[in-house]
Amino acid sequence: MTLKKRLLMIFAVVLIVGGFYSAGRLGLSVRTEKTEVEEAAEDALFGHRETLYLWYADETLTDYLNSVAVSYSEYQEKVRVIPVYTPGLEYLETINQASQQTEEVPDLYIVSNDSLEKAYLAGLACEVQLPEGTSSMADRLPQSAVRAVTYHDKQIGYPFYYETSCLLYNKTYLEDWARAQIEAERDLALAEEAQEQADGGDVEEEIQESLEQEGVSEEDVEEKVEATIPQTIDEILAFADVYDAPEQVEAIFKWDVSDIFYNYFIVGKYMDVGGENGDNADSIQIYNENAIRALRVYQNLNQFFSIDTKEISYDGVLQDFLDGKIVYTVATSDALSKLDHAREEGTFSYEYGVARVPDVSSELESASLSVTQCVGVNGYSTKKAMANDFALYLTQYNTDDLFGRTGKLPVYNGGGLYNNPNAAAFLEEYTRSVPMPKMIETSNFWVELEIAFAKIWEGEDANDELKALSEQIMGQVLGEAYTEEYIDVPLPVEEEDEEILEEEEDTEE
């Protein structure tokens, strides 16, 4: 590109961004009309160009999308992309109205994968058309991403970025504990050796010198920390029994038990809502033995980690982690940028690490919930080929920059971002996660499951609550009353004994 053309590009970008800034200050939900000066600047630079309108509802994407729009105009000089920030609860409805009632049809839009069925049935989403010579999504993206955008065997969106939950831990605390454990084990071994030497007549000074010369290597500490990261919830409980916590630590393990997104890993492996792709109303399995057992484990955790569902919040938990009050928590990927920002500001003085969420027990596995933000191509657009080309560019070009500028983790692993072990842990969890289902009939499932979790946490019977939930959801899907056959899942022996004791105490009273 010539210097003159670059200067014209800068001039045009300044005018365009200035227009967006003015619109943002005025609180407009769509772009402002271009002035004659802006249009003249663009025409002088590019000549006549086709225009694509990209709608989005997350304001934190504004600067990033504007920069991608500019870079795409360098790549495809005959096409310009105009991002349109459109907030509101009825986002898809607004897109639908604009598609049918205005000339500036939203050619593309960013939406969460659980809204894809609604978008498709409204004619707002059409099957992905990859440019010729482009490999399939399955060859380039995690299967969880492909499943998230697949609806009745059609891929109807481009996976862009995702959210899921992982285990977040205070690495500084674990390193200090690991070092102390290694030193204690070493000192014990050396003391035993020293005693043997003393019994053999060796000089005491030589024994003491031997004790003092032994050090603890960072490699040994790192190895010990890795071995300490819990693979199951039982291992968290075992660690809590032996951990001599610093004074400021208020909880070994604390998470937002009021939000289903941070709880779902408990039952994620044993609930099926919509089959593999979350689009099959004939594949629903909520009430089953393993789910009941997993929820009983969850309920018992209230005895060890007393958390009030009415007082807890994710932001509060994350702040407690920042303040060094928690060793382990369950967090979403937004924690990465928040923790790094806090460290830069000097308000977070610890090292941290991220690992996959622990299994419920040695017998019961876990699986996190995930939501994938996708780029959909509007079925009402007359520029679908161009829209598909830009959608691919947006979701797979320089995706590392997405995290750097927005804190959002890209689905496409095309750079060095996932060389960071903490970001890599989220990607690993995402690849094995359960994508949010798309079915309209089960859209209230998450609210109802969250209510059931709260009741079970507070002591209600897990079997009864899960059975009632399944009957409600199945009734919605079938359009008629549905009754589950009761599943008798015996309590573990120790729980049976406790229950008998409580019954005897109630009788005596």
Protein backbone atom coordinates (compact mmCIF):
# COMPACT_ATOMS: atom_id res chain seq x y z
CA MET A 1 0.00 0.00 0.00
CA THR A 2 1.41 3.43 -0.98
CA LEU A 3 2.08 6.19 1.55
CA LYS A 4 -0.69 8.30 0.02
CA LYS A 5 -3.15 5.44 0.35
CA ARG A 6 -2.10 4.82 3.96
CA LEU A 7 -2.66 8.48 4.80
CA LEU A 8 -6.08 8.36 3.17
CA MET A 9 -6.84 5.19 5.14
CA ILE A 10 -5.88 6.89 8.43
CA PHE A 11 -8.02 9.91 7.53
CA ALA A 12 -11.02 7.71 6.72
CA VAL A 13 -10.61 5.65 9.88
CA VAL A 14 -10.45 8.78 12.05
CA LEU A 15 -13.69 10.02 10.52
CA ILE A 16 -15.44 6.66 10.87
CA VAL A 17 -14.31 6.04 14.46
CA GLY A 18 -15.26 9.61 15.31
CA GLY A 19 -18.76 8.84 14.07
CA PHE A 20 -18.94 5.73 16.28
CA TYR A 21 -17.67 7.69 19.28
CA SER A 22 -20.31 10.36 18.81
CA ALA A 23 -23.01 7.73 18.49
CA GLY A 24 -21.81 6.03 21.67
CA ARG A 25 -21.92 9.27 23.61
CA LEU A 26 -25.44 9.94 22.42
CA GLY A 27 -26.50 6.42 23.49
CA LEU A 28 -27.54 5.39 19.96
CA SER A 29 -28.00 1.68 19.38
CA VAL A 30 -27.17 1.86 15.68
CA ARG A 31 -24.56 3.72 13.66
CA THR A 32 -25.02 7.35 12.70
CA GLU A 33 -25.42 8.32 9.06
CA LYS A 34 -22.16 9.10 7.31
CA THR A 35 -21.46 12.71 6.50
CA GLU A 36 -20.66 13.76 2.94
CA VAL A 37 -17.03 14.26 4.01
CA GLU A 38 -16.80 10.70 5.36
CA GLU A 39 -18.34 9.20 2.23
CA ALA A 40 -16.11 11.29 0.01
CA ALA A 41 -13.04 10.15 1.95
CA GLU A 42 -13.99 6.50 1.60
CA ASP A 43 -14.90 6.85 -2.09
CA ALA A 44 -11.57 8.57 -2.75
CA LEU A 45 -9.78 5.70 -1.07
CA PHE A 46 -11.68 2.69 -2.37
CA GLY A 47 -14.20 3.71 -4.96
CA HIS A 48 -17.63 2.09 -4.69
CA ARG A 49 -17.73 -0.72 -2.14
CA GLU A 50 -20.31 -3.21 -0.92
CA THR A 51 -21.32 -2.73 2.72
CA LEU A 52 -21.81 -5.45 5.32
CA TYR A 53 -23.56 -4.65 8.59
CA LEU A 54 -22.38 -6.61 11.63
CA TRP A 55 -24.62 -6.40 14.70
CA TYR A 56 -23.45 -7.16 18.22
CA ALA A 57 -24.75 -6.64 21.77
CA ASP A 58 -21.58 -6.66 23.90
CA GLU A 59 -20.10 -3.18 24.14
CA THR A 60 -16.68 -4.47 25.18
CA LEU A 61 -16.24 -5.71 21.60
CA THR A 62 -16.62 -2.25 20.03
CA ASP A 63 -12.96 -1.26 19.61
CA TYR A 64 -11.94 -4.75 18.57
CA LEU A 65 -14.65 -5.12 15.92
CA ASN A 66 -13.87 -1.69 14.51
CA SER A 67 -10.21 -2.64 14.15
CA VAL A 68 -11.08 -5.94 12.45
CA ALA A 69 -13.44 -4.08 10.10
CA VAL A 70 -10.59 -1.79 9.09
CA SER A 71 -8.13 -4.63 8.58
CA TYR A 72 -10.69 -6.53 6.50
CA SER A 73 -11.09 -3.48 4.26
CA GLU A 74 -7.37 -3.73 3.52
CA TYR A 75 -7.79 -7.41 2.75
CA GLN A 76 -10.97 -7.01 0.67
CA GLU A 77 -10.84 -3.47 -0.68
CA LYS A 78 -14.25 -3.68 -2.35
CA VAL A 79 -16.03 -4.54 0.90
CA ARG A 80 -16.52 -2.42 4.00
CA VAL A 81 -17.89 -3.71 7.27
CA ILE A 82 -19.85 -1.50 9.64
CA PRO A 83 -20.20 -2.87 13.20
CA VAL A 84 -23.52 -1.85 14.79
CA TYR A 85 -23.79 -1.97 18.58
CA THR A 86 -27.37 -3.01 19.46
CA PRO A 87 -28.04 -3.62 23.15
CA GLY A 88 -31.34 -4.86 24.51
CA LEU A 89 -33.09 -7.91 25.92
CA GLU A 90 -34.97 -8.58 22.67
CA TYR A 91 -31.82 -8.70 20.55
CA LEU A 92 -32.98 -11.30 18.02
CA GLU A 93 -36.39 -9.65 17.72
CA THR A 94 -34.67 -6.36 16.92
CA ILE A 95 -32.55 -8.08 14.27
CA ASN A 96 -35.70 -9.64 12.82
CA GLN A 97 -37.47 -6.27 12.62
CA ALA A 98 -34.45 -4.60 11.01
CA SER A 99 -34.18 -7.46 8.51
CA GLN A 100 -37.73 -6.96 7.31
CA GLN A 101 -38.37 -3.25 7.79
CA THR A 102 -35.13 -1.42 6.92
CA GLU A 103 -32.79 -1.18 3.96
CA GLU A 104 -29.70 -1.71 6.14
CA VAL A 105 -30.29 -5.39 6.81
CA PRO A 106 -27.96 -6.89 9.46
CA ASP A 107 -25.89 -9.19 7.25
CA LEU A 108 -24.18 -10.79 10.23
CA TYR A 109 -24.63 -10.77 13.96
CA ILE A 110 -22.99 -12.20 17.07
CA VAL A 111 -25.22 -14.41 19.22
CA SER A 112 -24.83 -17.18 21.81
CA ASN A 113 -25.21 -20.73 20.53
CA ASP A 114 -28.30 -21.46 22.65
CA SER A 115 -30.24 -18.92 20.53
CA LEU A 116 -29.40 -20.56 17.21
CA GLU A 117 -32.55 -22.65 16.93
CA LYS A 118 -34.71 -19.57 17.48
CA ALA A 119 -32.66 -17.65 14.92
CA TYR A 120 -32.83 -20.47 12.37
CA LEU A 121 -36.58 -20.96 12.68
CA ALA A 122 -37.07 -17.20 12.23
CA GLY A 123 -35.06 -17.27 9.01
CA LEU A 124 -32.23 -15.30 10.60
CA ALA A 125 -29.59 -18.02 10.39
CA CYS A 126 -28.58 -20.04 7.39
CA GLU A 127 -26.16 -22.87 6.84
CA VAL A 128 -22.49 -21.96 6.85
CA GLN A 129 -20.93 -21.76 3.38
CA LEU A 130 -17.17 -22.04 3.76
CA PRO A 131 -15.11 -20.50 0.96
CA GLU A 132 -13.77 -22.97 -1.58
CA GLY A 133 -10.58 -24.64 -0.44
CA THR A 134 -11.26 -24.07 3.26
CA SER A 135 -11.02 -27.11 5.50
CA SER A 136 -14.06 -28.13 7.54
CA MET A 137 -14.77 -26.82 11.03
CA ALA A 138 -14.21 -30.30 12.45
CA ASP A 139 -10.62 -30.18 11.16
CA ARG A 140 -9.82 -26.83 12.76
CA LEU A 141 -11.97 -26.40 15.86
CA PRO A 142 -12.74 -28.30 19.08
CA GLN A 143 -15.67 -30.70 18.79
CA SER A 144 -17.50 -28.78 21.50
CA ALA A 145 -17.48 -25.73 19.22
CA VAL A 146 -18.74 -27.70 16.23
CA ARG A 147 -21.50 -29.22 18.36
CA ALA A 148 -22.43 -25.78 19.65
CA VAL A 149 -23.24 -24.48 16.16
CA THR A 150 -24.71 -27.67 14.69
CA TYR A 151 -28.49 -27.79 14.30
CA HIS A 152 -30.16 -30.79 12.64
CA ASP A 153 -26.88 -31.76 10.95
CA LYS A 154 -26.29 -28.22 9.64
CA GLN A 155 -23.66 -25.81 10.89
CA ILE A 156 -25.52 -22.52 11.21
CA GLY A 157 -22.91 -20.29 12.81
CA TYR A 158 -19.19 -19.62 13.07
CA PRO A 159 -17.80 -20.29 16.59
CA PHE A 160 -16.11 -17.09 17.79
CA TYR A 161 -15.35 -17.11 21.52
CA TYR A 162 -16.53 -19.13 24.51
CA GLU A 163 -17.17 -19.20 28.23
CA THR A 164 -16.80 -22.16 30.54
CA SER A 165 -15.71 -22.79 34.13
CA CYS A 166 -12.45 -24.12 35.57
CA LEU A 167 -10.82 -24.62 38.93
CA LEU A 168 -8.88 -21.50 39.94
CA TYR A 169 -6.29 -21.84 42.69
CA ASN A 170 -3.87 -19.67 44.64
CA LYS A 171 -0.55 -21.00 43.43
CA THR A 172 1.47 -19.03 45.97
CA TYR A 173 -0.32 -20.78 48.84
CA LEU A 174 0.20 -24.19 47.27
CA GLU A 175 3.88 -23.49 46.63
CA ASP A 176 4.41 -22.39 50.23
CA TRP A 177 2.62 -25.51 51.47
CA ALA A 178 4.54 -27.77 49.09
CA ARG A 179 7.87 -26.28 50.18
CA ALA A 180 6.98 -26.76 53.84
CA GLN A 181 5.94 -30.35 53.20
CA ILE A 182 9.13 -31.15 51.31
CA GLU A 183 11.24 -29.58 54.05
CA ALA A 184 9.38 -31.51 56.74
CA GLU A 185 9.77 -34.79 54.85
CA ARG A 186 13.44 -34.06 54.17
CA ASP A 187 14.13 -33.09 57.78
CA LEU A 188 12.45 -36.24 59.04
CA ALA A 189 14.50 -38.40 56.67
CA LEU A 190 17.73 -36.61 57.58
CA ALA A 191 16.95 -36.79 61.27
CA GLU A 192 16.48 -40.53 61.00
CA GLU A 193 19.73 -40.80 59.07
CA ALA A 194 21.48 -38.59 61.62
CA GLN A 195 20.27 -40.75 64.46
CA GLU A 196 21.68 -43.80 62.74
CA GLN A 197 24.99 -42.02 62.24
CA ALA A 198 25.01 -40.80 65.83
CA ASP A 199 24.42 -44.32 67.03
CA GLY A 200 27.45 -45.26 64.96
CA GLY A 201 29.65 -42.67 66.66
CA ASP A 202 29.65 -39.89 63.97
CA VAL A 203 30.37 -36.30 65.07
CA GLU A 204 27.28 -34.17 65.85
CA GLU A 205 28.65 -31.13 63.95
CA GLU A 206 28.88 -33.13 60.73
CA ILE A 207 25.29 -34.27 61.13
CA GLN A 208 24.07 -30.69 61.65
CA GLU A 209 26.04 -29.49 58.61
CA SER A 210 24.42 -32.20 56.52
CA LEU A 211 20.97 -31.02 57.61
CA GLU A 212 21.71 -27.37 56.79
CA GLN A 213 23.18 -28.03 53.35
CA GLU A 214 20.08 -29.71 52.02
CA GLY A 215 17.86 -27.30 50.03
CA VAL A 216 14.48 -27.45 48.30
CA SER A 217 14.61 -26.98 44.54
CA GLU A 218 11.94 -25.11 42.59
CA GLU A 219 11.51 -28.19 40.43
CA ASP A 220 10.62 -30.24 43.51
CA VAL A 221 8.15 -27.58 44.62
CA GLU A 222 6.52 -27.43 41.20
CA GLU A 223 6.21 -31.20 41.08
CA LYS A 224 4.63 -31.22 44.54
CA VAL A 225 2.15 -28.49 43.54
CA GLU A 226 1.13 -30.42 40.44
CA ALA A 227 0.50 -33.48 42.58
CA THR A 228 -1.56 -31.36 45.00
CA ILE A 229 -3.98 -29.96 42.41
CA PRO A 230 -7.17 -31.90 43.17
CA GLN A 231 -8.51 -34.40 40.67
CA THR A 232 -11.68 -34.99 42.72
CA ILE A 233 -13.71 -33.09 45.30
CA ASP A 234 -12.65 -35.73 47.83
CA GLU A 235 -9.05 -34.60 47.34
CA ILE A 236 -10.07 -31.01 48.15
CA LEU A 237 -11.62 -32.26 51.39
CA ALA A 238 -8.50 -34.27 52.20
CA PHE A 239 -6.30 -31.24 51.57
CA ALA A 240 -8.51 -29.11 53.83
CA ASP A 241 -7.88 -31.59 56.66
CA VAL A 242 -4.08 -31.23 56.52
CA TYR A 243 -3.61 -27.65 55.30
CA ASP A 244 -2.31 -25.18 57.86
CA ALA A 245 -3.88 -22.09 56.28
CA PRO A 246 -2.42 -18.59 56.63
CA GLU A 247 -4.36 -16.26 58.89
CA GLN A 248 -6.03 -14.37 56.05
CA VAL A 249 -7.51 -17.52 54.46
CA GLU A 250 -11.21 -17.82 55.25
CA ALA A 251 -12.10 -20.80 53.05
CA ILE A 252 -10.22 -23.62 51.37
CA PHE A 253 -12.90 -23.98 48.66
CA LYS A 254 -15.61 -21.45 47.92
CA TRP A 255 -17.66 -20.86 44.80
CA ASP A 256 -20.95 -19.30 43.71
CA VAL A 257 -23.39 -22.07 44.61
CA SER A 258 -26.30 -19.82 43.56
CA ASP A 259 -25.38 -19.81 39.85
CA ILE A 260 -25.94 -22.90 37.72
CA PHE A 261 -22.99 -22.02 35.49
CA TYR A 262 -20.59 -22.72 38.38
CA ASN A 263 -22.57 -25.71 39.69
CA TYR A 264 -23.33 -27.59 36.49
CA PHE A 265 -20.05 -29.53 36.44
CA ILE A 266 -21.47 -31.62 39.29
CA VAL A 267 -24.12 -33.21 37.04
CA GLY A 268 -22.83 -32.28 33.58
CA LYS A 269 -21.61 -35.77 32.79
CA TYR A 270 -24.95 -37.38 33.64
CA MET A 271 -27.59 -35.08 32.15
CA ASP A 272 -28.64 -35.16 28.52
CA VAL A 273 -30.72 -32.24 27.28
CA GLY A 274 -31.02 -32.42 23.52
CA GLY A 275 -28.42 -35.00 22.65
CA GLU A 276 -24.90 -34.36 21.40
CA ASN A 277 -25.78 -31.12 19.61
CA GLY A 278 -28.46 -29.92 22.00
CA ASP A 279 -31.14 -29.95 19.29
CA ASN A 280 -32.92 -33.30 19.74
CA ALA A 281 -36.15 -33.21 21.77
CA ASP A 282 -36.21 -37.03 21.75
CA SER A 283 -32.95 -37.17 23.69
CA ILE A 284 -33.59 -35.93 27.21
CA GLN A 285 -32.32 -37.73 30.29
CA ILE A 286 -32.37 -35.70 33.49
CA TYR A 287 -33.47 -38.16 36.19
CA ASN A 288 -30.98 -41.01 36.60
CA GLU A 289 -28.97 -42.78 39.29
CA ASN A 290 -25.61 -41.09 38.68
CA ALA A 291 -27.14 -37.62 38.65
CA ILE A 292 -28.82 -38.37 41.99
CA ARG A 293 -25.56 -39.63 43.49
CA ALA A 294 -23.66 -36.58 42.23
CA LEU A 295 -26.22 -34.21 43.73
CA ARG A 296 -25.97 -36.00 47.07
CA VAL A 297 -22.23 -35.38 47.06
CA TYR A 298 -22.97 -31.73 46.28
CA GLN A 299 -25.42 -31.52 49.18
CA ASN A 300 -22.89 -33.00 51.61
CA LEU A 301 -20.40 -30.28 50.72
CA ASN A 302 -22.54 -27.83 52.66
CA GLN A 303 -21.31 -29.56 55.81
CA PHE A 304 -17.69 -28.70 54.93
CA PHE A 305 -18.07 -25.39 53.08
CA SER A 306 -21.00 -23.57 54.61
CA ILE A 307 -22.06 -21.09 51.92
CA ASP A 308 -25.28 -19.07 51.99
CA THR A 309 -26.96 -19.18 48.58
CA LYS A 310 -28.71 -15.88 49.32
CA GLU A 311 -25.50 -14.02 50.17
CA ILE A 312 -23.01 -15.50 47.70
CA SER A 313 -22.15 -13.93 44.32
CA TYR A 314 -19.51 -14.62 41.69
CA ASP A 315 -18.07 -11.11 41.87
CA GLY A 316 -17.83 -11.40 45.64
CA VAL A 317 -16.08 -14.77 45.44
CA LEU A 318 -13.60 -13.50 42.87
CA GLN A 319 -12.86 -10.50 45.06
CA ASP A 320 -12.22 -12.81 48.00
CA PHE A 321 -9.79 -14.74 45.81
CA LEU A 322 -8.06 -11.49 44.87
CA ASP A 323 -7.77 -10.66 48.57
CA GLY A 324 -6.14 -14.01 49.33
CA LYS A 325 -9.07 -15.32 51.35
CA ILE A 326 -9.67 -18.45 49.23
CA VAL A 327 -7.39 -21.26 48.08
CA TYR A 328 -9.68 -22.88 45.48
CA THR A 329 -12.72 -21.59 43.57
CA VAL A 330 -14.65 -22.24 40.36
CA ALA A 331 -14.25 -19.37 37.91
CA THR A 332 -14.99 -18.41 34.32
CA SER A 333 -12.39 -17.14 31.87
CA ASP A 334 -13.07 -13.48 32.68
CA ALA A 335 -10.99 -14.12 35.81
CA LEU A 336 -7.79 -14.29 33.71
CA SER A 337 -7.86 -10.66 32.57
CA LYS A 338 -9.20 -9.43 35.92
CA LEU A 339 -6.42 -11.11 37.88
CA ASP A 340 -3.70 -9.94 35.49
CA HIS A 341 -5.09 -6.39 35.58
CA ALA A 342 -5.19 -6.46 39.39
CA ARG A 343 -1.58 -7.62 39.49
CA GLU A 344 -0.54 -4.75 37.22
CA GLU A 345 -2.33 -2.33 39.54
CA GLY A 346 -0.67 -3.87 42.56
CA THR A 347 -3.91 -5.09 44.15
CA PHE A 348 -3.17 -8.80 43.68
CA SER A 349 0.10 -10.05 45.07
CA TYR A 350 -0.21 -13.78 44.46
CA GLU A 351 0.54 -16.24 41.69
CA TYR A 352 -2.43 -18.25 40.48
CA GLY A 353 -3.14 -21.30 38.38
CA VAL A 354 -6.03 -22.84 36.46
CA ALA A 355 -6.95 -26.53 36.16
CA ARG A 356 -9.90 -28.54 34.95
CA VAL A 357 -12.78 -28.78 37.38
CA PRO A 358 -12.38 -31.77 39.70
CA ASP A 359 -14.44 -34.92 39.29
CA VAL A 360 -17.27 -35.32 41.78
CA SER A 361 -15.59 -38.42 43.23
CA SER A 362 -13.39 -41.31 42.16
CA GLU A 363 -16.53 -42.96 40.71
CA LEU A 364 -18.40 -39.89 39.37
CA GLU A 365 -16.95 -37.70 36.63
CA SER A 366 -17.60 -34.02 36.01
CA ALA A 367 -18.24 -31.86 32.93
CA SER A 368 -18.58 -28.09 32.76
CA LEU A 369 -21.23 -26.15 30.89
CA SER A 370 -20.11 -23.92 28.02
CA VAL A 371 -21.62 -21.13 25.97
CA THR A 372 -20.16 -20.31 22.57
CA GLN A 373 -20.65 -16.90 21.01
CA CYS A 374 -21.14 -17.35 17.29
CA VAL A 375 -21.27 -15.25 14.17
CA GLY A 376 -24.48 -15.93 12.26
CA VAL A 377 -25.14 -15.07 8.63
CA ASN A 378 -28.61 -13.58 8.26
CA GLY A 379 -30.95 -15.50 5.98
CA TYR A 380 -32.42 -12.15 4.85
CA SER A 381 -29.06 -10.83 3.67
CA THR A 382 -28.52 -10.48 -0.07
CA LYS A 383 -24.76 -10.66 0.41
CA LYS A 384 -24.39 -14.08 1.97
CA ALA A 385 -21.16 -15.02 0.16
CA MET A 386 -19.42 -11.86 1.34
CA ALA A 387 -20.90 -12.30 4.83
CA ASN A 388 -19.56 -15.86 5.04
CA ASP A 389 -16.12 -14.67 3.96
CA PHE A 390 -16.03 -11.97 6.63
CA ALA A 391 -17.41 -14.33 9.30
CA LEU A 392 -14.52 -16.71 8.68
CA TYR A 393 -12.06 -13.80 8.74
CA LEU A 394 -13.47 -12.43 11.99
CA THR A 395 -13.43 -15.75 13.84
CA GLN A 396 -10.05 -17.03 12.63
CA TYR A 397 -7.87 -14.02 11.86
CA ASN A 398 -5.37 -12.87 14.52
CA THR A 399 -7.55 -14.31 17.28
CA ASP A 400 -4.89 -13.82 19.96
CA ASP A 401 -5.63 -10.12 19.71
CA LEU A 402 -9.24 -10.82 20.79
CA PHE A 403 -8.12 -11.89 24.24
CA GLY A 404 -5.59 -9.10 24.56
CA ARG A 405 -8.18 -6.43 23.82
CA THR A 406 -11.38 -7.88 25.27
CA GLY A 407 -10.39 -10.63 27.72
CA LYS A 408 -12.45 -13.15 25.72
CA LEU A 409 -10.97 -16.52 24.78
CA PRO A 410 -11.19 -17.34 21.06
CA VAL A 411 -12.38 -20.73 19.87
CA TYR A 412 -9.81 -20.81 17.09
CA ASN A 413 -6.31 -21.63 18.31
CA GLY A 414 -4.24 -19.91 15.67
CA GLY A 415 -1.49 -18.19 17.64
CA GLY A 416 0.51 -18.25 20.83
CA LEU A 417 -2.27 -17.43 23.32
CA TYR A 418 -2.74 -21.04 24.38
CA ASN A 419 0.95 -21.42 25.16
CA ASN A 420 -0.12 -19.75 28.40
CA PRO A 421 -0.96 -22.72 30.67
CA ASN A 422 -3.86 -20.87 32.33
CA ALA A 423 -5.53 -20.06 29.02
CA ALA A 424 -4.73 -23.59 27.83
CA ALA A 425 -6.56 -25.02 30.86
CA PHE A 426 -9.73 -23.20 29.84
CA LEU A 427 -9.41 -24.48 26.27
CA GLU A 428 -8.95 -28.03 27.58
CA GLU A 429 -12.05 -27.69 29.75
CA TYR A 430 -13.97 -26.22 26.82
CA THR A 431 -13.10 -29.18 24.58
CA ARG A 432 -14.72 -31.57 27.09
CA SER A 433 -17.58 -29.29 28.10
CA VAL A 434 -21.32 -29.62 27.51
CA PRO A 435 -22.51 -26.94 25.06
CA MET A 436 -25.63 -25.04 26.07
CA PRO A 437 -28.60 -26.70 24.27
CA LYS A 438 -30.52 -24.81 21.59
CA MET A 439 -34.05 -26.16 22.05
CA ILE A 440 -36.73 -23.54 22.65
CA GLU A 441 -38.88 -26.07 24.60
CA THR A 442 -36.22 -26.40 27.28
CA SER A 443 -35.15 -22.76 27.51
CA ASN A 444 -36.28 -22.54 31.15
CA PHE A 445 -34.39 -25.70 32.14
CA TRP A 446 -31.43 -23.74 33.51
CA VAL A 447 -33.54 -21.56 35.76
CA GLU A 448 -35.40 -24.59 37.11
CA LEU A 449 -32.19 -26.59 37.58
CA GLU A 450 -30.66 -23.67 39.46
CA ILE A 451 -33.68 -23.64 41.78
CA ALA A 452 -33.35 -27.39 42.32
CA PHE A 453 -29.64 -27.01 43.15
CA ALA A 454 -30.48 -24.33 45.74
CA LYS A 455 -33.10 -26.54 47.39
CA ILE A 456 -30.76 -29.54 47.48
CA TRP A 457 -27.95 -27.42 48.93
CA GLU A 458 -30.31 -26.36 51.71
CA GLY A 459 -31.25 -29.96 52.53
CA GLU A 460 -34.11 -31.04 50.26
CA ASP A 461 -34.03 -34.62 48.96
CA ALA A 462 -31.93 -34.83 45.78
CA ASN A 463 -33.95 -37.74 44.38
CA ASP A 464 -37.28 -35.97 44.81
CA GLU A 465 -36.08 -32.65 43.40
CA LEU A 466 -34.49 -34.22 40.34
CA LYS A 467 -37.56 -36.36 39.65
CA ALA A 468 -39.85 -33.32 39.85
CA LEU A 469 -37.58 -31.32 37.53
CA SER A 470 -37.48 -34.08 34.94
CA GLU A 471 -41.27 -34.43 35.00
CA GLN A 472 -41.68 -30.70 34.48
CA ILE A 473 -39.28 -30.48 31.53
CA MET A 474 -40.58 -33.66 29.89
CA GLY A 475 -44.12 -32.35 30.27
CA GLN A 476 -43.11 -29.17 28.42
CA VAL A 477 -41.47 -31.10 25.60
CA LEU A 478 -44.31 -33.64 25.19
CA GLY A 479 -47.12 -31.17 25.76
CA GLU A 480 -48.78 -33.40 28.35
CA ALA A 481 -48.30 -34.55 31.96
CA TYR A 482 -45.35 -36.89 32.42
CA THR A 483 -44.46 -39.13 35.39
CA GLU A 484 -41.00 -40.60 35.99
CA GLU A 485 -40.68 -44.05 37.50
CA TYR A 486 -39.07 -43.65 40.91
CA ILE A 487 -35.42 -44.70 41.06
CA ASP A 488 -34.42 -46.18 44.40
CA VAL A 489 -30.83 -45.11 45.07
CA PRO A 490 -29.73 -46.30 48.55
CA LEU A 491 -27.80 -43.85 50.68
CA PRO A 492 -24.19 -44.70 51.58
CA VAL A 493 -23.98 -46.58 54.89
CA GLU A 494 -22.67 -43.59 56.87
CA GLU A 495 -25.49 -41.37 55.57
CA GLU A 496 -28.09 -44.00 56.46
CA ASP A 497 -26.72 -44.15 60.01
CA GLU A 498 -26.88 -40.34 60.32
CA GLU A 499 -30.45 -40.32 58.99
CA ILE A 500 -31.55 -43.00 61.48
CA LEU A 501 -29.92 -41.05 64.31
CA GLU A 502 -31.72 -37.85 63.30
CA GLU A 503 -35.04 -39.72 63.16
CA GLU A 504 -34.47 -41.15 66.67
CA GLU A 505 -33.63 -37.68 68.01
CA ASP A 506 -36.79 -36.25 66.45
CA THR A 507 -38.83 -39.06 68.04
CA GLU A 508 -37.34 -38.41 71.48
CA GLU A 509 -38.15 -34.72 71.20
